[in-house]
Structure formats: C-alpha cells, structure tokens
Amino acid sequence: EIVCSKLPKYEDQYRGREFPDFISYWTFEDIIKEQITKLEEPAVAMLNKVIYMVEEKFLQLANKRFANFQNLNNAAQARIGCISDRQATTAKNCILTQFKMERIIYCQDNIYTDDLKAARAEGISKDTKIKDLAFGCASRQCPSFALEMVSHVKAYFTGASKRLSNQIPLIILSTVLHDFGNYLQTSMLHLLQGKEEINYLLQEDHEAANQQKLLTSRISHLNKAYQYLVDFKSL
C-alpha cells in the first residue's frame, strides 16, 4: 500500500527521466526514510518505559535499605533522579543519532544483493494480495514496477531492521542498565566518603532509634536471664 501510494507522485515528477519499469531511486529512498522515521517514536517510548522501570526499582531499593536513615535515603533518591535524567538524555541522543544514520540510505552491495535475492525468492511476484495492490494503483506504471519496488524495499529493510533491532536494545542496555548502576554506585561511595556529612547521613530516624534501643535492652535482659539459667544448672 505504501509503495502504491508513492508511485503516482513520483511518476508525474520523474516520468521522462526514467525508463518504463525502471526502479525509481527517489521513490525507494522516500519510502525507506518515511518508514524508518515512523520507528523512531516507538523506540524513544520504549526507552522512557525502561528508564522509568529502572528508576522505580532503585527508588524502592533505597526506601527498603535506608528506611531508618531518612537523610541518607533522601540523598540517595536525589542522586537516582539526577542519574536517571542524565542517562535518559544520553540514551535518547544515541537513539536519535542511530535513526539519523539509518536515514542515510546505505548498504554494502554484496549484502544488499543477497537480501534482494532472498526477497525475490519468497515469491513476492506470486503473492495475490500484493498483485491486487499493484493492479489497483492509480499510477500508470505497470504492476511489475510496484512488485519490483516491494522487493527492493523489503530487501533493504531486512538489513535495516536487523541493525535497529540490535542497536536500540543495546543502547538501552548499556546506558540505562549498566551505566546507571555503575554511576549510582560511584555516586553513593563518594557521598559516604564526606567526613563532615557522614554523621548527618547516618542519623537514624527517632522512632527507629528508640525501637533499636528497646530491642537492644531486651536482648541484654535475655542474655542475663540465660546466664542465670546456666549458673543455676551448674549448682
């Protein structure tokens, strides 16, 4: 459908400069760029979803581990938010750069030739649905032109889809998962190395401190009671 929708425009624009049945590179390039651009927004949406999930997990971990140290918890959460924003920006820029490169139509000849052979071998010219689309084109071009264009588009997208399906997850994996954790670990270690702030950060919550004193007192009483029992048995 995309191929057929593009043919009338480029037939009117370039007819006379290209021979009948000749594959229009301009049509091909326009279709590829348009389809690649459509994949950009879902890729960024996936990034935002992953960065949100990772940030939430780190925040939950901080709340759990530093529940009795409110100052330390606040400092950790501030650093998590800062690193999350920075890594989201870094990853988004990498993804946008990847799509910018993908809009430069390029493929090595031997790779493209193999992909084109594979696309033709799938029997596109025998596909009834595609044939119907081709015959239904408003363009005056013959159906074989549309079928051949489909082959070229499919061949190119074989390589482009492989690159994107590997690169986008790899970018997210590297910047959001690996780097996020490493930067947070380094940031927390630097935080705890400040001698002036360490006492402030490790101040326990008042209620938690009282609870700890109570538990410590009970443990002490139980130890004394245990010792009395041991001494009594030895009499």
C-alpha atoms as a PDB file:
ATOM      1  CA  GLU A   1       0.000   0.000   0.000  1.00  0.00           C
ATOM      2  CA  ILE A   2       2.836   2.383   0.812  1.00  0.00           C
ATOM      3  CA  VAL A   3       4.563   1.630  -2.481  1.00  0.00           C
ATOM      4  CA  CYS A   4       1.371   2.160  -4.460  1.00  0.00           C
ATOM      5  CA  SER A   5       0.604   5.436  -2.688  1.00  0.00           C
ATOM      6  CA  LYS A   6       4.022   6.804  -3.642  1.00  0.00           C
ATOM      7  CA  LEU A   7       4.073   5.781  -7.298  1.00  0.00           C
ATOM      8  CA  PRO A   8       1.678   8.387  -8.786  1.00  0.00           C
ATOM      9  CA  LYS A   9       3.567  11.310  -7.239  1.00  0.00           C
ATOM     10  CA  TYR A  10       6.955  10.186  -8.496  1.00  0.00           C
ATOM     11  CA  GLU A  11       5.666   9.060 -11.864  1.00  0.00           C
ATOM     12  CA  ASP A  12       4.389  12.574 -12.544  1.00  0.00           C
ATOM     13  CA  GLN A  13       7.594  14.127 -11.229  1.00  0.00           C
ATOM     14  CA  TYR A  14      10.190  11.922 -12.902  1.00  0.00           C
ATOM     15  CA  ARG A  15       8.460  10.348 -15.915  1.00  0.00           C
ATOM     16  CA  GLY A  16      10.606  11.050 -18.965  1.00  0.00           C
ATOM     17  CA  ARG A  17      13.809  10.934 -16.936  1.00  0.00           C
ATOM     18  CA  GLU A  18      13.473   7.241 -16.148  1.00  0.00           C
ATOM     19  CA  PHE A  19      12.691   4.339 -18.459  1.00  0.00           C
ATOM     20  CA  PRO A  20       9.469   2.349 -18.023  1.00  0.00           C
ATOM     21  CA  ASP A  21       9.803  -0.381 -15.391  1.00  0.00           C
ATOM     22  CA  PHE A  22      12.961   1.297 -14.093  1.00  0.00           C
ATOM     23  CA  ILE A  23      13.042   1.317 -10.286  1.00  0.00           C
ATOM     24  CA  SER A  24      12.816   4.913  -9.094  1.00  0.00           C
ATOM     25  CA  TYR A  25      15.535   5.507  -6.511  1.00  0.00           C
ATOM     26  CA  TRP A  26      13.728   8.633  -5.327  1.00  0.00           C
ATOM     27  CA  THR A  27      10.572   6.662  -4.629  1.00  0.00           C
ATOM     28  CA  PHE A  28      12.609   3.957  -2.931  1.00  0.00           C
ATOM     29  CA  GLU A  29      14.502   6.473  -0.785  1.00  0.00           C
ATOM     30  CA  ASP A  30      11.343   8.307   0.228  1.00  0.00           C
ATOM     31  CA  ILE A  31       9.607   5.088   1.293  1.00  0.00           C
ATOM     32  CA  ILE A  32      12.607   3.910   3.322  1.00  0.00           C
ATOM     33  CA  LYS A  33      13.073   7.246   5.098  1.00  0.00           C
ATOM     34  CA  GLU A  34       9.380   7.523   5.890  1.00  0.00           C
ATOM     35  CA  GLN A  35       9.189   4.036   7.379  1.00  0.00           C
ATOM     36  CA  ILE A  36      12.389   4.451   9.396  1.00  0.00           C
ATOM     37  CA  THR A  37      11.118   7.753  10.803  1.00  0.00           C
ATOM     38  CA  LYS A  38       7.942   6.004  11.964  1.00  0.00           C
ATOM     39  CA  LEU A  39      10.056   3.645  14.090  1.00  0.00           C
ATOM     40  CA  GLU A  40      11.796   6.483  15.924  1.00  0.00           C
ATOM     41  CA  GLU A  41       8.928   7.400  18.259  1.00  0.00           C
ATOM     42  CA  PRO A  42       8.266   3.801  19.432  1.00  0.00           C
ATOM     43  CA  ALA A  43      11.992   3.390  20.133  1.00  0.00           C
ATOM     44  CA  VAL A  44      12.055   6.509  22.332  1.00  0.00           C
ATOM     45  CA  ALA A  45       8.845   5.353  24.032  1.00  0.00           C
ATOM     46  CA  MET A  46      10.497   2.026  24.836  1.00  0.00           C
ATOM     47  CA  LEU A  47      13.477   3.889  26.295  1.00  0.00           C
ATOM     48  CA  ASN A  48      11.223   6.017  28.511  1.00  0.00           C
ATOM     49  CA  LYS A  49       9.403   2.924  29.729  1.00  0.00           C
ATOM     50  CA  VAL A  50      12.636   1.141  30.635  1.00  0.00           C
ATOM     51  CA  ILE A  51      14.203   4.188  32.325  1.00  0.00           C
ATOM     52  CA  TYR A  52      11.040   4.616  34.410  1.00  0.00           C
ATOM     53  CA  MET A  53      11.091   0.965  35.489  1.00  0.00           C
ATOM     54  CA  VAL A  54      14.786   1.068  36.406  1.00  0.00           C
ATOM     55  CA  GLU A  55      14.416   4.321  38.340  1.00  0.00           C
ATOM     56  CA  GLU A  56      11.428   2.941  40.252  1.00  0.00           C
ATOM     57  CA  LYS A  57      13.363  -0.193  41.221  1.00  0.00           C
ATOM     58  CA  PHE A  58      16.301   1.835  42.528  1.00  0.00           C
ATOM     59  CA  LEU A  59      13.958   4.113  44.485  1.00  0.00           C
ATOM     60  CA  GLN A  60      12.211   1.108  46.012  1.00  0.00           C
ATOM     61  CA  LEU A  61      15.572  -0.394  46.937  1.00  0.00           C
ATOM     62  CA  ALA A  62      16.669   2.859  48.584  1.00  0.00           C
ATOM     63  CA  ASN A  63      13.426   3.055  50.568  1.00  0.00           C
ATOM     64  CA  LYS A  64      13.864  -0.524  51.716  1.00  0.00           C
ATOM     65  CA  ARG A  65      17.554  -0.416  52.623  1.00  0.00           C
ATOM     66  CA  PHE A  66      17.651   3.087  54.097  1.00  0.00           C
ATOM     67  CA  ALA A  67      14.245   3.108  55.769  1.00  0.00           C
ATOM     68  CA  ASN A  68      15.758   4.017  59.152  1.00  0.00           C
ATOM     69  CA  PHE A  69      18.126   6.649  57.707  1.00  0.00           C
ATOM     70  CA  GLN A  70      15.917   9.354  56.241  1.00  0.00           C
ATOM     71  CA  ASN A  71      18.765  11.735  55.412  1.00  0.00           C
ATOM     72  CA  LEU A  72      20.682   9.036  53.567  1.00  0.00           C
ATOM     73  CA  ASN A  73      17.507   7.916  51.807  1.00  0.00           C
ATOM     74  CA  ASN A  74      16.774  11.458  50.609  1.00  0.00           C
ATOM     75  CA  ALA A  75      20.331  11.862  49.334  1.00  0.00           C
ATOM     76  CA  ALA A  76      20.183   8.516  47.523  1.00  0.00           C
ATOM     77  CA  GLN A  77      16.840   9.321  45.883  1.00  0.00           C
ATOM     78  CA  ALA A  78      18.129  12.708  44.711  1.00  0.00           C
ATOM     79  CA  ARG A  79      21.096  11.020  43.060  1.00  0.00           C
ATOM     80  CA  ILE A  80      18.885   8.360  41.496  1.00  0.00           C
ATOM     81  CA  GLY A  81      16.688  11.046  39.936  1.00  0.00           C
ATOM     82  CA  CYS A  82      19.681  13.009  38.656  1.00  0.00           C
ATOM     83  CA  ILE A  83      21.345   9.956  37.115  1.00  0.00           C
ATOM     84  CA  SER A  84      18.032   8.837  35.615  1.00  0.00           C
ATOM     85  CA  ASP A  85      17.551  12.174  33.823  1.00  0.00           C
ATOM     86  CA  ARG A  86      21.133  12.196  32.584  1.00  0.00           C
ATOM     87  CA  GLN A  87      21.049   8.624  31.294  1.00  0.00           C
ATOM     88  CA  ALA A  88      17.656   9.146  29.656  1.00  0.00           C
ATOM     89  CA  THR A  89      19.067  12.134  27.757  1.00  0.00           C
ATOM     90  CA  THR A  90      22.214  10.230  26.788  1.00  0.00           C
ATOM     91  CA  ALA A  91      20.266   7.196  25.580  1.00  0.00           C
ATOM     92  CA  LYS A  92      17.755   9.321  23.650  1.00  0.00           C
ATOM     93  CA  ASN A  93      20.559  11.184  21.879  1.00  0.00           C
ATOM     94  CA  CYS A  94      22.176   7.861  20.939  1.00  0.00           C
ATOM     95  CA  ILE A  95      18.870   6.532  19.597  1.00  0.00           C
ATOM     96  CA  LEU A  96      18.189   9.694  17.591  1.00  0.00           C
ATOM     97  CA  THR A  97      21.716   9.526  16.188  1.00  0.00           C
ATOM     98  CA  GLN A  98      21.147   5.904  15.190  1.00  0.00           C
ATOM     99  CA  PHE A  99      17.961   6.841  13.321  1.00  0.00           C
ATOM    100  CA  LYS A 100      19.704   9.814  11.728  1.00  0.00           C
ATOM    101  CA  MET A 101      22.317   7.430  10.337  1.00  0.00           C
ATOM    102  CA  GLU A 102      19.617   4.996   9.209  1.00  0.00           C
ATOM    103  CA  ARG A 103      18.049   7.749   7.097  1.00  0.00           C
ATOM    104  CA  ILE A 104      21.274   7.762   5.096  1.00  0.00           C
ATOM    105  CA  ILE A 105      20.370   5.029   2.647  1.00  0.00           C
ATOM    106  CA  TYR A 106      23.382   2.755   2.592  1.00  0.00           C
ATOM    107  CA  CYS A 107      24.132  -0.930   2.329  1.00  0.00           C
ATOM    108  CA  GLN A 108      27.123  -2.866   1.051  1.00  0.00           C
ATOM    109  CA  ASP A 109      26.494  -4.228  -2.432  1.00  0.00           C
ATOM    110  CA  ASN A 110      27.074  -7.884  -1.615  1.00  0.00           C
ATOM    111  CA  ILE A 111      24.798  -7.764   1.432  1.00  0.00           C
ATOM    112  CA  TYR A 112      22.042  -5.936  -0.440  1.00  0.00           C
ATOM    113  CA  THR A 113      22.309  -8.320  -3.393  1.00  0.00           C
ATOM    114  CA  ASP A 114      21.866 -11.322  -1.110  1.00  0.00           C
ATOM    115  CA  ASP A 115      18.888  -9.732   0.654  1.00  0.00           C
ATOM    116  CA  LEU A 116      17.302  -8.815  -2.685  1.00  0.00           C
ATOM    117  CA  LYS A 117      17.699 -12.376  -3.943  1.00  0.00           C
ATOM    118  CA  ALA A 118      16.085 -13.651  -0.750  1.00  0.00           C
ATOM    119  CA  ALA A 119      13.180 -11.212  -1.105  1.00  0.00           C
ATOM    120  CA  ARG A 120      12.571 -12.278  -4.693  1.00  0.00           C
ATOM    121  CA  ALA A 121      12.895 -15.947  -3.751  1.00  0.00           C
ATOM    122  CA  GLU A 122       9.984 -15.580  -1.347  1.00  0.00           C
ATOM    123  CA  GLY A 123       7.756 -15.351  -4.375  1.00  0.00           C
ATOM    124  CA  ILE A 124       6.553 -11.782  -3.987  1.00  0.00           C
ATOM    125  CA  SER A 125       5.500 -11.701  -7.640  1.00  0.00           C
ATOM    126  CA  LYS A 126       3.173 -14.632  -6.945  1.00  0.00           C
ATOM    127  CA  ASP A 127       1.560 -13.067  -3.892  1.00  0.00           C
ATOM    128  CA  THR A 128      -2.083 -12.418  -4.800  1.00  0.00           C
ATOM    129  CA  LYS A 129      -2.508  -9.673  -2.237  1.00  0.00           C
ATOM    130  CA  ILE A 130       0.474  -7.702  -3.499  1.00  0.00           C
ATOM    131  CA  LYS A 131      -0.591  -8.277  -7.101  1.00  0.00           C
ATOM    132  CA  ASP A 132      -4.017  -6.867  -6.328  1.00  0.00           C
ATOM    133  CA  LEU A 133      -2.437  -3.822  -4.721  1.00  0.00           C
ATOM    134  CA  ALA A 134      -0.219  -3.302  -7.725  1.00  0.00           C
ATOM    135  CA  PHE A 135      -3.088  -3.562 -10.217  1.00  0.00           C
ATOM    136  CA  GLY A 136      -5.122  -1.212  -8.039  1.00  0.00           C
ATOM    137  CA  CYS A 137      -2.539   1.568  -8.164  1.00  0.00           C
ATOM    138  CA  ALA A 138      -3.781   4.807  -9.608  1.00  0.00           C
ATOM    139  CA  SER A 139      -0.388   5.100 -11.260  1.00  0.00           C
ATOM    140  CA  ARG A 140       0.017   4.374 -14.958  1.00  0.00           C
ATOM    141  CA  GLN A 141       3.065   2.261 -14.150  1.00  0.00           C
ATOM    142  CA  CYS A 142       2.766  -1.427 -14.838  1.00  0.00           C
ATOM    143  CA  PRO A 143       2.174  -3.796 -11.880  1.00  0.00           C
ATOM    144  CA  SER A 144       5.622  -5.334 -12.250  1.00  0.00           C
ATOM    145  CA  PHE A 145       7.139  -1.990 -11.262  1.00  0.00           C
ATOM    146  CA  ALA A 146       5.278  -1.982  -7.955  1.00  0.00           C
ATOM    147  CA  LEU A 147       6.156  -5.624  -7.319  1.00  0.00           C
ATOM    148  CA  GLU A 148       9.827  -4.974  -8.001  1.00  0.00           C
ATOM    149  CA  MET A 149       9.766  -1.916  -5.738  1.00  0.00           C
ATOM    150  CA  VAL A 150       8.308  -4.061  -2.944  1.00  0.00           C
ATOM    151  CA  SER A 151      11.205  -6.472  -3.410  1.00  0.00           C
ATOM    152  CA  HIS A 152      13.768  -3.678  -3.094  1.00  0.00           C
ATOM    153  CA  VAL A 153      12.070  -2.120  -0.063  1.00  0.00           C
ATOM    154  CA  LYS A 154      11.799  -5.486   1.649  1.00  0.00           C
ATOM    155  CA  ALA A 155      15.428  -6.296   0.846  1.00  0.00           C
ATOM    156  CA  TYR A 156      16.701  -3.035   2.286  1.00  0.00           C
ATOM    157  CA  PHE A 157      14.556  -3.338   5.405  1.00  0.00           C
ATOM    158  CA  THR A 158      15.965  -6.800   6.030  1.00  0.00           C
ATOM    159  CA  GLY A 159      19.310  -5.208   6.847  1.00  0.00           C
ATOM    160  CA  ALA A 160      17.923  -2.040   8.431  1.00  0.00           C
ATOM    161  CA  SER A 161      15.610  -3.960  10.755  1.00  0.00           C
ATOM    162  CA  LYS A 162      18.483  -6.182  11.876  1.00  0.00           C
ATOM    163  CA  ARG A 163      20.582  -3.145  12.740  1.00  0.00           C
ATOM    164  CA  LEU A 164      17.805  -1.379  14.613  1.00  0.00           C
ATOM    165  CA  SER A 165      16.600  -4.492  16.447  1.00  0.00           C
ATOM    166  CA  ASN A 166      20.132  -4.963  17.773  1.00  0.00           C
ATOM    167  CA  GLN A 167      21.298  -1.387  18.267  1.00  0.00           C
ATOM    168  CA  ILE A 168      18.269   0.099  20.051  1.00  0.00           C
ATOM    169  CA  PRO A 169      18.135  -2.574  22.808  1.00  0.00           C
ATOM    170  CA  LEU A 170      21.939  -2.426  23.071  1.00  0.00           C
ATOM    171  CA  ILE A 171      21.846   1.353  23.586  1.00  0.00           C
ATOM    172  CA  ILE A 172      19.187   0.983  26.279  1.00  0.00           C
ATOM    173  CA  LEU A 173      21.013  -1.922  27.913  1.00  0.00           C
ATOM    174  CA  SER A 174      24.297  -0.026  28.022  1.00  0.00           C
ATOM    175  CA  THR A 175      23.120   3.429  29.120  1.00  0.00           C
ATOM    176  CA  VAL A 176      20.105   2.584  31.268  1.00  0.00           C
ATOM    177  CA  LEU A 177      21.035  -0.696  32.929  1.00  0.00           C
ATOM    178  CA  HIS A 178      24.828  -0.989  33.048  1.00  0.00           C
ATOM    179  CA  ASP A 179      25.870   2.672  33.233  1.00  0.00           C
ATOM    180  CA  PHE A 180      23.001   3.691  35.530  1.00  0.00           C
ATOM    181  CA  GLY A 181      24.034   1.129  38.151  1.00  0.00           C
ATOM    182  CA  ASN A 182      27.726   1.948  37.855  1.00  0.00           C
ATOM    183  CA  TYR A 183      27.196   5.700  38.151  1.00  0.00           C
ATOM    184  CA  LEU A 184      24.870   5.271  41.127  1.00  0.00           C
ATOM    185  CA  GLN A 185      27.349   3.028  42.919  1.00  0.00           C
ATOM    186  CA  THR A 186      30.165   5.534  42.372  1.00  0.00           C
ATOM    187  CA  SER A 187      27.968   8.440  43.457  1.00  0.00           C
ATOM    188  CA  MET A 188      26.938   6.704  46.693  1.00  0.00           C
ATOM    189  CA  LEU A 189      30.542   5.821  47.538  1.00  0.00           C
ATOM    190  CA  HIS A 190      31.574   9.451  47.073  1.00  0.00           C
ATOM    191  CA  LEU A 191      28.638  10.534  49.210  1.00  0.00           C
ATOM    192  CA  LEU A 192      29.700   8.358  52.136  1.00  0.00           C
ATOM    193  CA  GLN A 193      33.316   9.497  51.932  1.00  0.00           C
ATOM    194  CA  GLY A 194      32.476  13.005  53.106  1.00  0.00           C
ATOM    195  CA  LYS A 195      33.598  13.066  56.751  1.00  0.00           C
ATOM    196  CA  GLU A 196      31.530  16.109  57.624  1.00  0.00           C
ATOM    197  CA  GLU A 197      28.306  14.692  56.216  1.00  0.00           C
ATOM    198  CA  ILE A 198      28.629  11.085  57.309  1.00  0.00           C
ATOM    199  CA  ASN A 199      27.197  11.665  60.793  1.00  0.00           C
ATOM    200  CA  TYR A 200      24.295  13.626  59.349  1.00  0.00           C
ATOM    201  CA  LEU A 201      23.535  10.974  56.726  1.00  0.00           C
ATOM    202  CA  LEU A 202      23.683   8.116  59.223  1.00  0.00           C
ATOM    203  CA  GLN A 203      21.363   9.722  61.753  1.00  0.00           C
ATOM    204  CA  GLU A 204      18.648   7.203  62.465  1.00  0.00           C
ATOM    205  CA  ASP A 205      15.001   8.021  62.441  1.00  0.00           C
ATOM    206  CA  HIS A 206      13.920   8.932  66.005  1.00  0.00           C
ATOM    207  CA  GLU A 207      11.293   6.211  66.221  1.00  0.00           C
ATOM    208  CA  ALA A 208      13.626   3.634  64.707  1.00  0.00           C
ATOM    209  CA  ALA A 209      16.389   4.624  67.130  1.00  0.00           C
ATOM    210  CA  ASN A 210      14.053   4.198  70.103  1.00  0.00           C
ATOM    211  CA  GLN A 211      12.919   0.844  68.757  1.00  0.00           C
ATOM    212  CA  GLN A 212      16.519  -0.252  68.371  1.00  0.00           C
ATOM    213  CA  LYS A 213      17.323   0.786  71.954  1.00  0.00           C
ATOM    214  CA  LEU A 214      14.307  -1.163  73.176  1.00  0.00           C
ATOM    215  CA  LEU A 215      15.348  -4.265  71.252  1.00  0.00           C
ATOM    216  CA  THR A 216      18.931  -3.916  72.484  1.00  0.00           C
ATOM    217  CA  SER A 217      17.683  -3.669  76.060  1.00  0.00           C
ATOM    218  CA  ARG A 218      15.523  -6.764  75.634  1.00  0.00           C
ATOM    219  CA  ILE A 219      18.418  -8.712  74.152  1.00  0.00           C
ATOM    220  CA  SER A 220      20.562  -7.680  77.113  1.00  0.00           C
ATOM    221  CA  HIS A 221      17.903  -8.868  79.570  1.00  0.00           C
ATOM    222  CA  LEU A 222      17.536 -12.165  77.727  1.00  0.00           C
ATOM    223  CA  ASN A 223      21.298 -12.701  77.808  1.00  0.00           C
ATOM    224  CA  LYS A 224      21.327 -12.076  81.558  1.00  0.00           C
ATOM    225  CA  ALA A 225      18.416 -14.464  82.070  1.00  0.00           C
ATOM    226  CA  TYR A 226      20.198 -17.089  80.008  1.00  0.00           C
ATOM    227  CA  GLN A 227      23.340 -16.659  82.086  1.00  0.00           C
ATOM    228  CA  TYR A 228      21.313 -17.054  85.313  1.00  0.00           C
ATOM    229  CA  LEU A 229      19.876 -20.322  83.989  1.00  0.00           C
ATOM    230  CA  VAL A 230      23.336 -21.583  83.095  1.00  0.00           C
ATOM    231  CA  ASP A 231      24.649 -20.678  86.547  1.00  0.00           C
ATOM    232  CA  PHE A 232      21.627 -22.323  88.217  1.00  0.00           C
ATOM    233  CA  LYS A 233      22.153 -25.592  86.325  1.00  0.00           C
ATOM    234  CA  SER A 234      25.782 -25.672  87.388  1.00  0.00           C
ATOM    235  CA  LEU A 235      24.893 -25.581  91.106  1.00  0.00           C
END
